Amino acid sequence: MFGIGMPELIIIFVIALIIIGPKKLPDLARALGKGLAEFRRATDQLKANLDMDDVEDELKGVQEDFADSVSGLLDVSETEEETKPKDPVTSETSEEESSR
């Protein structure tokens, strides 16, 4: 974990037992455990929120790219229709049908 092995943990426990005493040590350990659990829960929740923000940002970027692509395709198809030469046979028949 932090380079602390079993002998170091035993020494820390014995020193805590001598300083705090056997009556208050379980209460202190319980409070320390609850504090660590709450800290871990808060950090997990923060990580989850950050991951969701990243996903939302990525989705917004993809949505904007898709909208740009679609609008670009529409612009290209409109310019192709405008620049396409008209077929004289088709335009004559359409003019005759419109005059009727």
Protein backbone atom coordinates (compact mmCIF):
# COMPACT_ATOMS: atom_id res chain seq x y z
CA MET A 1 0.00 0.00 0.00
CA PHE A 2 2.36 2.75 1.20
CA GLY A 3 5.39 0.53 1.69
CA ILE A 4 4.08 -0.48 5.12
CA GLY A 5 4.43 -4.18 5.83
CA MET A 6 2.97 -6.37 8.55
CA PRO A 7 5.69 -5.61 11.15
CA GLU A 8 5.14 -1.87 10.77
CA LEU A 9 1.37 -2.28 11.13
CA ILE A 10 1.83 -4.29 14.35
CA ILE A 11 4.11 -1.59 15.78
CA ILE A 12 1.59 1.13 14.89
CA PHE A 13 -1.23 -0.89 16.48
CA VAL A 14 0.75 -1.46 19.70
CA ILE A 15 1.65 2.25 19.95
CA ALA A 16 -2.02 3.23 19.35
CA LEU A 17 -3.13 0.71 22.00
CA ILE A 18 -0.69 2.16 24.54
CA ILE A 19 -1.51 5.82 23.79
CA ILE A 20 -5.29 5.62 23.31
CA GLY A 21 -6.05 2.70 25.57
CA PRO A 22 -8.04 -0.46 25.08
CA LYS A 23 -11.41 1.15 25.86
CA LYS A 24 -11.33 3.91 23.24
CA LEU A 25 -9.39 2.08 20.52
CA PRO A 26 -12.43 0.23 19.05
CA ASP A 27 -14.41 3.49 18.89
CA LEU A 28 -11.51 5.24 17.19
CA ALA A 29 -11.10 2.38 14.70
CA ARG A 30 -14.84 2.41 13.95
CA ALA A 31 -14.83 6.19 13.36
CA LEU A 32 -11.73 5.89 11.17
CA GLY A 33 -13.37 3.11 9.13
CA LYS A 34 -16.55 5.14 8.62
CA GLY A 35 -14.51 8.17 7.58
CA LEU A 36 -12.51 6.16 5.05
CA ALA A 37 -15.69 4.56 3.65
CA GLU A 38 -17.33 7.98 3.26
CA PHE A 39 -14.21 9.35 1.56
CA ARG A 40 -14.09 6.38 -0.83
CA ARG A 41 -17.80 6.79 -1.64
CA ALA A 42 -17.33 10.51 -2.35
CA THR A 43 -14.34 9.91 -4.62
CA ASP A 44 -16.19 7.16 -6.54
CA GLN A 45 -19.16 9.47 -7.03
CA LEU A 46 -16.86 12.26 -8.24
CA LYS A 47 -15.18 9.90 -10.71
CA ALA A 48 -18.57 8.79 -12.02
CA ASN A 49 -19.68 12.41 -12.49
CA LEU A 50 -16.47 13.31 -14.32
CA ASP A 51 -16.86 10.30 -16.61
CA MET A 52 -20.45 11.32 -17.41
CA ASP A 53 -19.32 14.87 -18.23
CA ASP A 54 -16.71 13.48 -20.63
CA VAL A 55 -19.32 11.30 -22.33
CA GLU A 56 -21.76 14.22 -22.63
CA ASP A 57 -19.05 16.46 -24.14
CA GLU A 58 -18.09 13.75 -26.60
CA LEU A 59 -21.72 13.20 -27.62
CA LYS A 60 -22.22 16.93 -28.18
CA GLY A 61 -19.13 17.00 -30.40
CA VAL A 62 -20.37 14.04 -32.43
CA GLN A 63 -23.79 15.65 -32.76
CA GLU A 64 -22.26 18.90 -34.04
CA ASP A 65 -20.04 16.99 -36.49
CA PHE A 66 -23.05 15.07 -37.77
CA ALA A 67 -25.08 18.27 -38.19
CA ASP A 68 -22.18 19.87 -40.09
CA SER A 69 -21.87 16.82 -42.33
CA VAL A 70 -25.58 16.76 -43.13
CA SER A 71 -25.71 20.48 -43.86
CA GLY A 72 -22.61 20.10 -46.04
CA LEU A 73 -24.27 17.32 -48.01
CA LEU A 74 -27.40 19.40 -48.49
CA ASP A 75 -25.32 22.35 -49.73
CA VAL A 76 -23.42 20.13 -52.17
CA SER A 77 -26.61 18.58 -53.58
CA GLU A 78 -28.19 22.03 -54.05
CA THR A 79 -25.15 23.36 -55.92
CA GLU A 80 -25.03 20.24 -58.10
CA GLU A 81 -28.66 20.76 -59.12
CA GLU A 82 -28.00 24.40 -59.96
CA THR A 83 -24.90 23.66 -62.05
CA LYS A 84 -26.33 20.61 -63.80
CA PRO A 85 -27.07 21.42 -67.49
CA LYS A 86 -30.69 21.06 -68.46
CA ASP A 87 -31.64 18.45 -71.01
CA PRO A 88 -33.21 20.28 -74.00
CA VAL A 89 -35.65 17.45 -74.72
CA THR A 90 -36.84 17.28 -71.16
CA SER A 91 -37.14 21.04 -70.79
CA GLU A 92 -39.23 21.29 -74.02
CA THR A 93 -41.66 18.62 -72.88
CA SER A 94 -42.00 20.21 -69.48
CA GLU A 95 -42.69 23.61 -71.09
CA GLU A 96 -45.39 22.08 -73.33
CA GLU A 97 -47.02 20.37 -70.33
CA SER A 98 -46.98 23.58 -68.30
CA SER A 99 -48.58 25.59 -71.15
CA ARG A 100 -51.56 23.17 -71.38
